[in-house]
Amino acid sequence: MLIKSHIHKGIRGSIPDCDKAKDFMKAIEEQFVSSDKALASTLMKKLSGMRHNSSKSVWGHIMEMRDIAAQLRTLKIEISESFLVHFILNSLQSEYTPFKISYNTHKEK
């Protein structure tokens, strides 16, 4: 099949053999669905384990967490903005406690 000859050997080996192009394309699609699940799991684990440290700026830390949340949204895993804000605040070091208290006591959302 012509399609197989244009796919990298590493990818081709994980896709079952098919006689028809339509069946082959469906097998590829199913393979990438499981890849999306694995990616979502990896991203959730990374997000939940993130803690700010002094090796990078707070802004960089926040942007990295927002980027992971955006990647999860593309995988149909919704994370609300308010949840993400609280999650980010909880990931900051204790030296940012006054900022956290100020945010949490502020009446507006």
PDB file of N, CA and C in Angstrom:
ATOM      1  N   MET A   1       0.857  -1.175   0.000  1.00  0.00           N
ATOM      2  CA  MET A   1       0.000   0.000   0.000  1.00  0.00           C
ATOM      3  C   MET A   1       0.904   1.238   0.000  1.00  0.00           C
ATOM      4  N   LEU A   2       0.599   2.174  -0.844  1.00  0.00           N
ATOM      5  CA  LEU A   2       1.401   3.385  -1.026  1.00  0.00           C
ATOM      6  C   LEU A   2       1.464   4.219   0.250  1.00  0.00           C
ATOM      7  N   ILE A   3       0.368   4.270   0.984  1.00  0.00           N
ATOM      8  CA  ILE A   3       0.325   5.084   2.206  1.00  0.00           C
ATOM      9  C   ILE A   3       1.380   4.601   3.193  1.00  0.00           C
ATOM     10  N   LYS A   4       1.500   3.303   3.368  1.00  0.00           N
ATOM     11  CA  LYS A   4       2.450   2.745   4.333  1.00  0.00           C
ATOM     12  C   LYS A   4       3.885   3.158   4.028  1.00  0.00           C
ATOM     13  N   SER A   5       4.216   3.252   2.759  1.00  0.00           N
ATOM     14  CA  SER A   5       5.598   3.576   2.398  1.00  0.00           C
ATOM     15  C   SER A   5       5.987   5.006   2.773  1.00  0.00           C
ATOM     16  N   HIS A   6       5.009   5.853   3.037  1.00  0.00           N
ATOM     17  CA  HIS A   6       5.283   7.244   3.392  1.00  0.00           C
ATOM     18  C   HIS A   6       5.177   7.515   4.893  1.00  0.00           C
ATOM     19  N   ILE A   7       4.985   6.471   5.680  1.00  0.00           N
ATOM     20  CA  ILE A   7       4.870   6.612   7.133  1.00  0.00           C
ATOM     21  C   ILE A   7       6.139   6.065   7.770  1.00  0.00           C
ATOM     22  N   HIS A   8       6.648   6.788   8.748  1.00  0.00           N
ATOM     23  CA  HIS A   8       7.872   6.389   9.446  1.00  0.00           C
ATOM     24  C   HIS A   8       7.712   4.980  10.024  1.00  0.00           C
ATOM     25  N   LYS A   9       8.808   4.199   9.986  1.00  0.00           N
ATOM     26  CA  LYS A   9       8.772   2.807  10.447  1.00  0.00           C
ATOM     27  C   LYS A   9       8.342   2.690  11.905  1.00  0.00           C
ATOM     28  N   GLY A  10       8.766   3.633  12.735  1.00  0.00           N
ATOM     29  CA  GLY A  10       8.404   3.591  14.153  1.00  0.00           C
ATOM     30  C   GLY A  10       6.914   3.710  14.379  1.00  0.00           C
ATOM     31  N   ILE A  11       6.263   4.512  13.574  1.00  0.00           N
ATOM     32  CA  ILE A  11       4.807   4.674  13.681  1.00  0.00           C
ATOM     33  C   ILE A  11       4.112   3.499  13.010  1.00  0.00           C
ATOM     34  N   ARG A  12       4.602   3.108  11.860  1.00  0.00           N
ATOM     35  CA  ARG A  12       3.983   2.035  11.085  1.00  0.00           C
ATOM     36  C   ARG A  12       3.936   0.732  11.880  1.00  0.00           C
ATOM     37  N   GLY A  13       4.944   0.472  12.703  1.00  0.00           N
ATOM     38  CA  GLY A  13       4.993  -0.761  13.485  1.00  0.00           C
ATOM     39  C   GLY A  13       3.909  -0.862  14.539  1.00  0.00           C
ATOM     40  N   SER A  14       3.387   0.264  14.992  1.00  0.00           N
ATOM     41  CA  SER A  14       2.361   0.235  16.041  1.00  0.00           C
ATOM     42  C   SER A  14       0.943   0.184  15.487  1.00  0.00           C
ATOM     43  N   ILE A  15       0.814   0.205  14.168  1.00  0.00           N
ATOM     44  CA  ILE A  15      -0.505   0.193  13.531  1.00  0.00           C
ATOM     45  C   ILE A  15      -0.722  -1.174  12.894  1.00  0.00           C
ATOM     46  N   PRO A  16      -1.866  -1.813  13.177  1.00  0.00           N
ATOM     47  CA  PRO A  16      -2.115  -3.143  12.615  1.00  0.00           C
ATOM     48  C   PRO A  16      -2.175  -3.117  11.088  1.00  0.00           C
ATOM     49  N   ASP A  17      -1.802  -4.238  10.469  1.00  0.00           N
ATOM     50  CA  ASP A  17      -1.850  -4.350   9.007  1.00  0.00           C
ATOM     51  C   ASP A  17      -3.288  -4.345   8.515  1.00  0.00           C
ATOM     52  N   CYS A  18      -3.526  -3.619   7.443  1.00  0.00           N
ATOM     53  CA  CYS A  18      -4.847  -3.530   6.827  1.00  0.00           C
ATOM     54  C   CYS A  18      -4.680  -3.636   5.316  1.00  0.00           C
ATOM     55  N   ASP A  19      -5.686  -4.206   4.658  1.00  0.00           N
ATOM     56  CA  ASP A  19      -5.645  -4.353   3.201  1.00  0.00           C
ATOM     57  C   ASP A  19      -6.151  -3.116   2.483  1.00  0.00           C
ATOM     58  N   LYS A  20      -7.075  -2.414   3.098  1.00  0.00           N
ATOM     59  CA  LYS A  20      -7.700  -1.257   2.454  1.00  0.00           C
ATOM     60  C   LYS A  20      -7.214   0.032   3.111  1.00  0.00           C
ATOM     61  N   ALA A  21      -7.100   1.067   2.298  1.00  0.00           N
ATOM     62  CA  ALA A  21      -6.640   2.367   2.796  1.00  0.00           C
ATOM     63  C   ALA A  21      -7.592   2.922   3.846  1.00  0.00           C
ATOM     64  N   LYS A  22      -8.885   2.739   3.648  1.00  0.00           N
ATOM     65  CA  LYS A  22      -9.877   3.253   4.598  1.00  0.00           C
ATOM     66  C   LYS A  22      -9.699   2.596   5.968  1.00  0.00           C
ATOM     67  N   ASP A  23      -9.485   1.279   5.981  1.00  0.00           N
ATOM     68  CA  ASP A  23      -9.265   0.567   7.244  1.00  0.00           C
ATOM     69  C   ASP A  23      -7.959   1.016   7.900  1.00  0.00           C
ATOM     70  N   PHE A  24      -6.951   1.251   7.075  1.00  0.00           N
ATOM     71  CA  PHE A  24      -5.658   1.702   7.583  1.00  0.00           C
ATOM     72  C   PHE A  24      -5.780   3.078   8.232  1.00  0.00           C
ATOM     73  N   MET A  25      -6.508   3.979   7.590  1.00  0.00           N
ATOM     74  CA  MET A  25      -6.708   5.321   8.143  1.00  0.00           C
ATOM     75  C   MET A  25      -7.488   5.259   9.453  1.00  0.00           C
ATOM     76  N   LYS A  26      -8.461   4.367   9.535  1.00  0.00           N
ATOM     77  CA  LYS A  26      -9.227   4.213  10.775  1.00  0.00           C
ATOM     78  C   LYS A  26      -8.321   3.690  11.894  1.00  0.00           C
ATOM     79  N   ALA A  27      -7.436   2.755  11.573  1.00  0.00           N
ATOM     80  CA  ALA A  27      -6.499   2.221  12.561  1.00  0.00           C
ATOM     81  C   ALA A  27      -5.559   3.316  13.066  1.00  0.00           C
ATOM     82  N   ILE A  28      -5.124   4.180  12.167  1.00  0.00           N
ATOM     83  CA  ILE A  28      -4.265   5.307  12.563  1.00  0.00           C
ATOM     84  C   ILE A  28      -5.026   6.233  13.505  1.00  0.00           C
ATOM     85  N   GLU A  29      -6.268   6.539  13.164  1.00  0.00           N
ATOM     86  CA  GLU A  29      -7.087   7.419  14.005  1.00  0.00           C
ATOM     87  C   GLU A  29      -7.253   6.829  15.400  1.00  0.00           C
ATOM     88  N   GLU A  30      -7.524   5.530  15.489  1.00  0.00           N
ATOM     89  CA  GLU A  30      -7.683   4.880  16.793  1.00  0.00           C
ATOM     90  C   GLU A  30      -6.387   4.923  17.594  1.00  0.00           C
ATOM     91  N   GLN A  31      -5.267   4.795  16.904  1.00  0.00           N
ATOM     92  CA  GLN A  31      -3.974   4.853  17.575  1.00  0.00           C
ATOM     93  C   GLN A  31      -3.756   6.221  18.210  1.00  0.00           C
ATOM     94  N   PHE A  32      -4.141   7.283  17.502  1.00  0.00           N
ATOM     95  CA  PHE A  32      -3.924   8.622  18.027  1.00  0.00           C
ATOM     96  C   PHE A  32      -4.911   8.982  19.118  1.00  0.00           C
ATOM     97  N   VAL A  33      -6.075   8.350  19.185  1.00  0.00           N
ATOM     98  CA  VAL A  33      -6.998   8.568  20.298  1.00  0.00           C
ATOM     99  C   VAL A  33      -6.341   8.093  21.579  1.00  0.00           C
ATOM    100  N   SER A  34      -5.716   6.921  21.543  1.00  0.00           N
ATOM    101  CA  SER A  34      -5.045   6.436  22.745  1.00  0.00           C
ATOM    102  C   SER A  34      -3.837   7.308  23.080  1.00  0.00           C
ATOM    103  N   SER A  35      -3.192   7.882  22.070  1.00  0.00           N
ATOM    104  CA  SER A  35      -2.078   8.795  22.322  1.00  0.00           C
ATOM    105  C   SER A  35      -2.569  10.060  23.016  1.00  0.00           C
ATOM    106  N   ASP A  36      -3.759  10.553  22.636  1.00  0.00           N
ATOM    107  CA  ASP A  36      -4.338  11.726  23.287  1.00  0.00           C
ATOM    108  C   ASP A  36      -4.605  11.450  24.760  1.00  0.00           C
ATOM    109  N   LYS A  37      -5.082  10.259  25.068  1.00  0.00           N
ATOM    110  CA  LYS A  37      -5.346   9.906  26.467  1.00  0.00           C
ATOM    111  C   LYS A  37      -4.049   9.878  27.262  1.00  0.00           C
ATOM    112  N   ALA A  38      -3.020   9.333  26.683  1.00  0.00           N
ATOM    113  CA  ALA A  38      -1.724   9.284  27.362  1.00  0.00           C
ATOM    114  C   ALA A  38      -1.167  10.687  27.556  1.00  0.00           C
ATOM    115  N   LEU A  39      -1.310  11.533  26.544  1.00  0.00           N
ATOM    116  CA  LEU A  39      -0.842  12.913  26.647  1.00  0.00           C
ATOM    117  C   LEU A  39      -1.615  13.660  27.728  1.00  0.00           C
ATOM    118  N   ALA A  40      -2.932  13.475  27.772  1.00  0.00           N
ATOM    119  CA  ALA A  40      -3.750  14.135  28.795  1.00  0.00           C
ATOM    120  C   ALA A  40      -3.306  13.706  30.184  1.00  0.00           C
ATOM    121  N   SER A  41      -3.057  12.434  30.357  1.00  0.00           N
ATOM    122  CA  SER A  41      -2.603  11.930  31.651  1.00  0.00           C
ATOM    123  C   SER A  41      -1.257  12.537  32.037  1.00  0.00           C
ATOM    124  N   THR A  42      -0.354  12.611  31.087  1.00  0.00           N
ATOM    125  CA  THR A  42       0.964  13.199  31.339  1.00  0.00           C
ATOM    126  C   THR A  42       0.850  14.674  31.708  1.00  0.00           C
ATOM    127  N   LEU A  43       0.012  15.407  30.976  1.00  0.00           N
ATOM    128  CA  LEU A  43      -0.157  16.838  31.254  1.00  0.00           C
ATOM    129  C   LEU A  43      -0.799  17.069  32.617  1.00  0.00           C
ATOM    130  N   MET A  44      -1.804  16.258  32.975  1.00  0.00           N
ATOM    131  CA  MET A  44      -2.447  16.417  34.286  1.00  0.00           C
ATOM    132  C   MET A  44      -1.463  16.131  35.410  1.00  0.00           C
ATOM    133  N   LYS A  45      -0.644  15.115  35.227  1.00  0.00           N
ATOM    134  CA  LYS A  45       0.356  14.789  36.246  1.00  0.00           C
ATOM    135  C   LYS A  45       1.363  15.931  36.383  1.00  0.00           C
ATOM    136  N   LYS A  46       1.780  16.482  35.254  1.00  0.00           N
ATOM    137  CA  LYS A  46       2.741  17.592  35.283  1.00  0.00           C
ATOM    138  C   LYS A  46       2.136  18.811  35.968  1.00  0.00           C
ATOM    139  N   LEU A  47       0.893  19.147  35.616  1.00  0.00           N
ATOM    140  CA  LEU A  47       0.227  20.307  36.207  1.00  0.00           C
ATOM    141  C   LEU A  47       0.045  20.131  37.708  1.00  0.00           C
ATOM    142  N   SER A  48      -0.405  18.964  38.120  1.00  0.00           N
ATOM    143  CA  SER A  48      -0.675  18.757  39.543  1.00  0.00           C
ATOM    144  C   SER A  48       0.597  18.712  40.382  1.00  0.00           C
ATOM    145  N   GLY A  49       1.727  18.407  39.763  1.00  0.00           N
ATOM    146  CA  GLY A  49       2.973  18.337  40.509  1.00  0.00           C
ATOM    147  C   GLY A  49       3.803  19.607  40.479  1.00  0.00           C
ATOM    148  N   MET A  50       3.331  20.622  39.770  1.00  0.00           N
ATOM    149  CA  MET A  50       4.129  21.845  39.632  1.00  0.00           C
ATOM    150  C   MET A  50       4.131  22.670  40.911  1.00  0.00           C
ATOM    151  N   ARG A  51       5.317  23.093  41.302  1.00  0.00           N
ATOM    152  CA  ARG A  51       5.499  23.999  42.430  1.00  0.00           C
ATOM    153  C   ARG A  51       6.492  25.057  41.990  1.00  0.00           C
ATOM    154  N   HIS A  52       6.209  26.286  42.377  1.00  0.00           N
ATOM    155  CA  HIS A  52       7.126  27.370  42.016  1.00  0.00           C
ATOM    156  C   HIS A  52       8.390  27.251  42.845  1.00  0.00           C
ATOM    157  N   ASN A  53       9.511  27.455  42.193  1.00  0.00           N
ATOM    158  CA  ASN A  53      10.778  27.548  42.912  1.00  0.00           C
ATOM    159  C   ASN A  53      11.521  28.766  42.388  1.00  0.00           C
ATOM    160  N   SER A  54      12.553  29.126  43.061  1.00  0.00           N
ATOM    161  CA  SER A  54      13.239  30.374  42.715  1.00  0.00           C
ATOM    162  C   SER A  54      14.070  30.282  41.436  1.00  0.00           C
ATOM    163  N   SER A  55      14.087  29.126  40.781  1.00  0.00           N
ATOM    164  CA  SER A  55      14.878  29.007  39.553  1.00  0.00           C
ATOM    165  C   SER A  55      14.222  29.705  38.362  1.00  0.00           C
ATOM    166  N   LYS A  56      12.928  30.011  38.475  1.00  0.00           N
ATOM    167  CA  LYS A  56      12.264  30.757  37.401  1.00  0.00           C
ATOM    168  C   LYS A  56      11.350  31.808  38.007  1.00  0.00           C
ATOM    169  N   SER A  57      10.961  32.750  37.188  1.00  0.00           N
ATOM    170  CA  SER A  57      10.119  33.841  37.678  1.00  0.00           C
ATOM    171  C   SER A  57       8.698  33.348  37.944  1.00  0.00           C
ATOM    172  N   VAL A  58       7.985  34.097  38.766  1.00  0.00           N
ATOM    173  CA  VAL A  58       6.583  33.770  39.037  1.00  0.00           C
ATOM    174  C   VAL A  58       5.792  33.859  37.741  1.00  0.00           C
ATOM    175  N   TRP A  59       6.096  34.874  36.937  1.00  0.00           N
ATOM    176  CA  TRP A  59       5.399  35.033  35.665  1.00  0.00           C
ATOM    177  C   TRP A  59       5.612  33.802  34.784  1.00  0.00           C
ATOM    178  N   GLY A  60       6.851  33.322  34.704  1.00  0.00           N
ATOM    179  CA  GLY A  60       7.161  32.133  33.911  1.00  0.00           C
ATOM    180  C   GLY A  60       6.427  30.909  34.421  1.00  0.00           C
ATOM    181  N   HIS A  61       6.355  30.778  35.742  1.00  0.00           N
ATOM    182  CA  HIS A  61       5.644  29.660  36.367  1.00  0.00           C
ATOM    183  C   HIS A  61       4.156  29.709  36.017  1.00  0.00           C
ATOM    184  N   ILE A  62       3.561  30.887  36.151  1.00  0.00           N
ATOM    185  CA  ILE A  62       2.134  31.056  35.844  1.00  0.00           C
ATOM    186  C   ILE A  62       1.873  30.763  34.370  1.00  0.00           C
ATOM    187  N   MET A  63       2.715  31.283  33.501  1.00  0.00           N
ATOM    188  CA  MET A  63       2.520  31.065  32.064  1.00  0.00           C
ATOM    189  C   MET A  63       2.663  29.588  31.697  1.00  0.00           C
ATOM    190  N   GLU A  64       3.576  28.898  32.336  1.00  0.00           N
ATOM    191  CA  GLU A  64       3.743  27.467  32.063  1.00  0.00           C
ATOM    192  C   GLU A  64       2.497  26.688  32.491  1.00  0.00           C
ATOM    193  N   MET A  65       1.947  27.042  33.651  1.00  0.00           N
ATOM    194  CA  MET A  65       0.736  26.365  34.119  1.00  0.00           C
ATOM    195  C   MET A  65      -0.452  26.684  33.213  1.00  0.00           C
ATOM    196  N   ARG A  66      -0.565  27.926  32.762  1.00  0.00           N
ATOM    197  CA  ARG A  66      -1.649  28.297  31.841  1.00  0.00           C
ATOM    198  C   ARG A  66      -1.508  27.572  30.504  1.00  0.00           C
ATOM    199  N   ASP A  67      -0.270  27.398  30.058  1.00  0.00           N
ATOM    200  CA  ASP A  67      -0.025  26.689  28.805  1.00  0.00           C
ATOM    201  C   ASP A  67      -0.461  25.226  28.909  1.00  0.00           C
ATOM    202  N   ILE A  68      -0.145  24.586  30.008  1.00  0.00           N
ATOM    203  CA  ILE A  68      -0.560  23.190  30.203  1.00  0.00           C
ATOM    204  C   ILE A  68      -2.079  23.098  30.247  1.00  0.00           C
ATOM    205  N   ALA A  69      -2.726  24.041  30.940  1.00  0.00           N
ATOM    206  CA  ALA A  69      -4.194  24.048  30.991  1.00  0.00           C
ATOM    207  C   ALA A  69      -4.785  24.226  29.594  1.00  0.00           C
ATOM    208  N   ALA A  70      -4.171  25.069  28.777  1.00  0.00           N
ATOM    209  CA  ALA A  70      -4.646  25.269  27.401  1.00  0.00           C
ATOM    210  C   ALA A  70      -4.480  23.993  26.580  1.00  0.00           C
ATOM    211  N   GLN A  71      -3.377  23.295  26.776  1.00  0.00           N
ATOM    212  CA  GLN A  71      -3.175  22.023  26.071  1.00  0.00           C
ATOM    213  C   GLN A  71      -4.227  21.004  26.484  1.00  0.00           C
ATOM    214  N   LEU A  72      -4.575  20.988  27.769  1.00  0.00           N
ATOM    215  CA  LEU A  72      -5.615  20.070  28.243  1.00  0.00           C
ATOM    216  C   LEU A  72      -6.968  20.423  27.637  1.00  0.00           C
ATOM    217  N   ARG A  73      -7.231  21.723  27.475  1.00  0.00           N
ATOM    218  CA  ARG A  73      -8.502  22.131  26.855  1.00  0.00           C
ATOM    219  C   ARG A  73      -8.600  21.627  25.418  1.00  0.00           C
ATOM    220  N   THR A  74      -7.494  21.628  24.696  1.00  0.00           N
ATOM    221  CA  THR A  74      -7.531  21.116  23.319  1.00  0.00           C
ATOM    222  C   THR A  74      -7.802  19.619  23.292  1.00  0.00           C
ATOM    223  N   LEU A  75      -7.544  18.946  24.409  1.00  0.00           N
ATOM    224  CA  LEU A  75      -7.820  17.512  24.525  1.00  0.00           C
ATOM    225  C   LEU A  75      -9.180  17.255  25.160  1.00  0.00           C
ATOM    226  N   LYS A  76     -10.008  18.308  25.225  1.00  0.00           N
ATOM    227  CA  LYS A  76     -11.379  18.227  25.746  1.00  0.00           C
ATOM    228  C   LYS A  76     -11.427  17.985  27.258  1.00  0.00           C
ATOM    229  N   ILE A  77     -10.404  18.453  27.975  1.00  0.00           N
ATOM    230  CA  ILE A  77     -10.401  18.406  29.435  1.00  0.00           C
ATOM    231  C   ILE A  77     -10.478  19.845  29.907  1.00  0.00           C
ATOM    232  N   GLU A  78     -11.640  20.224  30.397  1.00  0.00           N
ATOM    233  CA  GLU A  78     -11.884  21.613  30.777  1.00  0.00           C
ATOM    234  C   GLU A  78     -11.388  21.897  32.191  1.00  0.00           C
ATOM    235  N   ILE A  79     -10.674  22.980  32.324  1.00  0.00           N
ATOM    236  CA  ILE A  79     -10.232  23.491  33.622  1.00  0.00           C
ATOM    237  C   ILE A  79     -10.716  24.927  33.683  1.00  0.00           C
ATOM    238  N   SER A  80     -11.574  25.218  34.642  1.00  0.00           N
ATOM    239  CA  SER A  80     -12.128  26.573  34.727  1.00  0.00           C
ATOM    240  C   SER A  80     -11.042  27.564  35.136  1.00  0.00           C
ATOM    241  N   GLU A  81     -11.250  28.814  34.752  1.00  0.00           N
ATOM    242  CA  GLU A  81     -10.282  29.866  35.079  1.00  0.00           C
ATOM    243  C   GLU A  81     -10.128  30.023  36.588  1.00  0.00           C
ATOM    244  N   SER A  82     -11.253  30.008  37.324  1.00  0.00           N
ATOM    245  CA  SER A  82     -11.159  30.205  38.774  1.00  0.00           C
ATOM    246  C   SER A  82     -10.413  29.044  39.433  1.00  0.00           C
ATOM    247  N   PHE A  83     -10.645  27.818  38.955  1.00  0.00           N
ATOM    248  CA  PHE A  83      -9.905  26.674  39.498  1.00  0.00           C
ATOM    249  C   PHE A  83      -8.413  26.831  39.218  1.00  0.00           C
ATOM    250  N   LEU A  84      -8.090  27.231  37.999  1.00  0.00           N
ATOM    251  CA  LEU A  84      -6.690  27.389  37.617  1.00  0.00           C
ATOM    252  C   LEU A  84      -6.010  28.472  38.454  1.00  0.00           C
ATOM    253  N   VAL A  85      -6.705  29.576  38.693  1.00  0.00           N
ATOM    254  CA  VAL A  85      -6.136  30.656  39.513  1.00  0.00           C
ATOM    255  C   VAL A  85      -5.812  30.138  40.911  1.00  0.00           C
ATOM    256  N   HIS A  86      -6.752  29.442  41.531  1.00  0.00           N
ATOM    257  CA  HIS A  86      -6.514  28.911  42.878  1.00  0.00           C
ATOM    258  C   HIS A  86      -5.415  27.844  42.859  1.00  0.00           C
ATOM    259  N   PHE A  87      -5.398  27.042  41.831  1.00  0.00           N
ATOM    260  CA  PHE A  87      -4.369  26.014  41.698  1.00  0.00           C
ATOM    261  C   PHE A  87      -2.988  26.658  41.595  1.00  0.00           C
ATOM    262  N   ILE A  88      -2.891  27.721  40.806  1.00  0.00           N
ATOM    263  CA  ILE A  88      -1.619  28.438  40.655  1.00  0.00           C
ATOM    264  C   ILE A  88      -1.210  29.079  41.976  1.00  0.00           C
ATOM    265  N   LEU A  89      -2.161  29.730  42.641  1.00  0.00           N
ATOM    266  CA  LEU A  89      -1.841  30.359  43.930  1.00  0.00           C
ATOM    267  C   LEU A  89      -1.318  29.333  44.932  1.00  0.00           C
ATOM    268  N   ASN A  90      -1.929  28.164  44.954  1.00  0.00           N
ATOM    269  CA  ASN A  90      -1.490  27.124  45.887  1.00  0.00           C
ATOM    270  C   ASN A  90      -0.133  26.536  45.520  1.00  0.00           C
ATOM    271  N   SER A  91       0.305  26.743  44.295  1.00  0.00           N
ATOM    272  CA  SER A  91       1.603  26.210  43.880  1.00  0.00           C
ATOM    273  C   SER A  91       2.753  27.169  44.189  1.00  0.00           C
ATOM    274  N   LEU A  92       2.418  28.382  44.637  1.00  0.00           N
ATOM    275  CA  LEU A  92       3.461  29.371  44.935  1.00  0.00           C
ATOM    276  C   LEU A  92       4.116  29.089  46.280  1.00  0.00           C
ATOM    277  N   GLN A  93       5.336  29.564  46.440  1.00  0.00           N
ATOM    278  CA  GLN A  93       6.077  29.388  47.683  1.00  0.00           C
ATOM    279  C   GLN A  93       5.424  30.177  48.816  1.00  0.00           C
ATOM    280  N   SER A  94       5.802  29.849  50.036  1.00  0.00           N
ATOM    281  CA  SER A  94       5.208  30.495  51.210  1.00  0.00           C
ATOM    282  C   SER A  94       5.513  31.988  51.275  1.00  0.00           C
ATOM    283  N   GLU A  95       6.563  32.443  50.615  1.00  0.00           N
ATOM    284  CA  GLU A  95       6.873  33.875  50.633  1.00  0.00           C
ATOM    285  C   GLU A  95       5.793  34.704  49.931  1.00  0.00           C
ATOM    286  N   TYR A  96       4.920  34.049  49.175  1.00  0.00           N
ATOM    287  CA  TYR A  96       3.832  34.745  48.488  1.00  0.00           C
ATOM    288  C   TYR A  96       2.514  34.660  49.261  1.00  0.00           C
ATOM    289  N   THR A  97       2.568  34.237  50.515  1.00  0.00           N
ATOM    290  CA  THR A  97       1.358  34.130  51.337  1.00  0.00           C
ATOM    291  C   THR A  97       0.614  35.457  51.449  1.00  0.00           C
ATOM    292  N   PRO A  98       1.279  36.600  51.666  1.00  0.00           N
ATOM    293  CA  PRO A  98       0.530  37.866  51.715  1.00  0.00           C
ATOM    294  C   PRO A  98      -0.256  38.130  50.421  1.00  0.00           C
ATOM    295  N   PHE A  99       0.340  37.801  49.285  1.00  0.00           N
ATOM    296  CA  PHE A  99      -0.353  37.972  48.008  1.00  0.00           C
ATOM    297  C   PHE A  99      -1.567  37.052  47.926  1.00  0.00           C
ATOM    298  N   LYS A 100      -1.413  35.805  48.370  1.00  0.00           N
ATOM    299  CA  LYS A 100      -2.524  34.843  48.353  1.00  0.00           C
ATOM    300  C   LYS A 100      -3.664  35.330  49.239  1.00  0.00           C
ATOM    301  N   ILE A 101      -3.316  35.825  50.430  1.00  0.00           N
ATOM    302  CA  ILE A 101      -4.336  36.329  51.357  1.00  0.00           C
ATOM    303  C   ILE A 101      -5.048  37.521  50.747  1.00  0.00           C
ATOM    304  N   SER A 102      -4.297  38.413  50.150  1.00  0.00           N
ATOM    305  CA  SER A 102      -4.889  39.585  49.504  1.00  0.00           C
ATOM    306  C   SER A 102      -5.857  39.166  48.404  1.00  0.00           C
ATOM    307  N   TYR A 103      -5.451  38.213  47.586  1.00  0.00           N
ATOM    308  CA  TYR A 103      -6.327  37.746  46.505  1.00  0.00           C
ATOM    309  C   TYR A 103      -7.590  37.099  47.072  1.00  0.00           C
ATOM    310  N   ASN A 104      -7.430  36.249  48.078  1.00  0.00           N
ATOM    311  CA  ASN A 104      -8.568  35.511  48.630  1.00  0.00           C
ATOM    312  C   ASN A 104      -9.548  36.392  49.393  1.00  0.00           C
ATOM    313  N   THR A 105      -9.074  37.529  49.924  1.00  0.00           N
ATOM    314  CA  THR A 105      -9.980  38.416  50.657  1.00  0.00           C
ATOM    315  C   THR A 105     -10.575  39.504  49.777  1.00  0.00           C
ATOM    316  N   HIS A 106     -10.112  39.604  48.554  1.00  0.00           N
ATOM    317  CA  HIS A 106     -10.656  40.580  47.604  1.00  0.00           C
ATOM    318  C   HIS A 106     -12.060  40.151  47.212  1.00  0.00           C
ATOM    319  N   LYS A 107     -13.023  41.064  47.262  1.00  0.00           N
ATOM    320  CA  LYS A 107     -14.424  40.705  47.053  1.00  0.00           C
ATOM    321  C   LYS A 107     -14.772  40.408  45.599  1.00  0.00           C
ATOM    322  N   GLU A 108     -14.137  41.071  44.662  1.00  0.00           N
ATOM    323  CA  GLU A 108     -14.456  40.841  43.251  1.00  0.00           C
ATOM    324  C   GLU A 108     -13.797  39.565  42.761  1.00  0.00           C
ATOM    325  N   LYS A 109     -14.431  38.941  41.763  1.00  0.00           N
ATOM    326  CA  LYS A 109     -13.845  37.723  41.189  1.00  0.00           C
ATOM    327  C   LYS A 109     -12.943  38.066  40.055  1.00  0.00           C
TER     328      LYS A 109
END
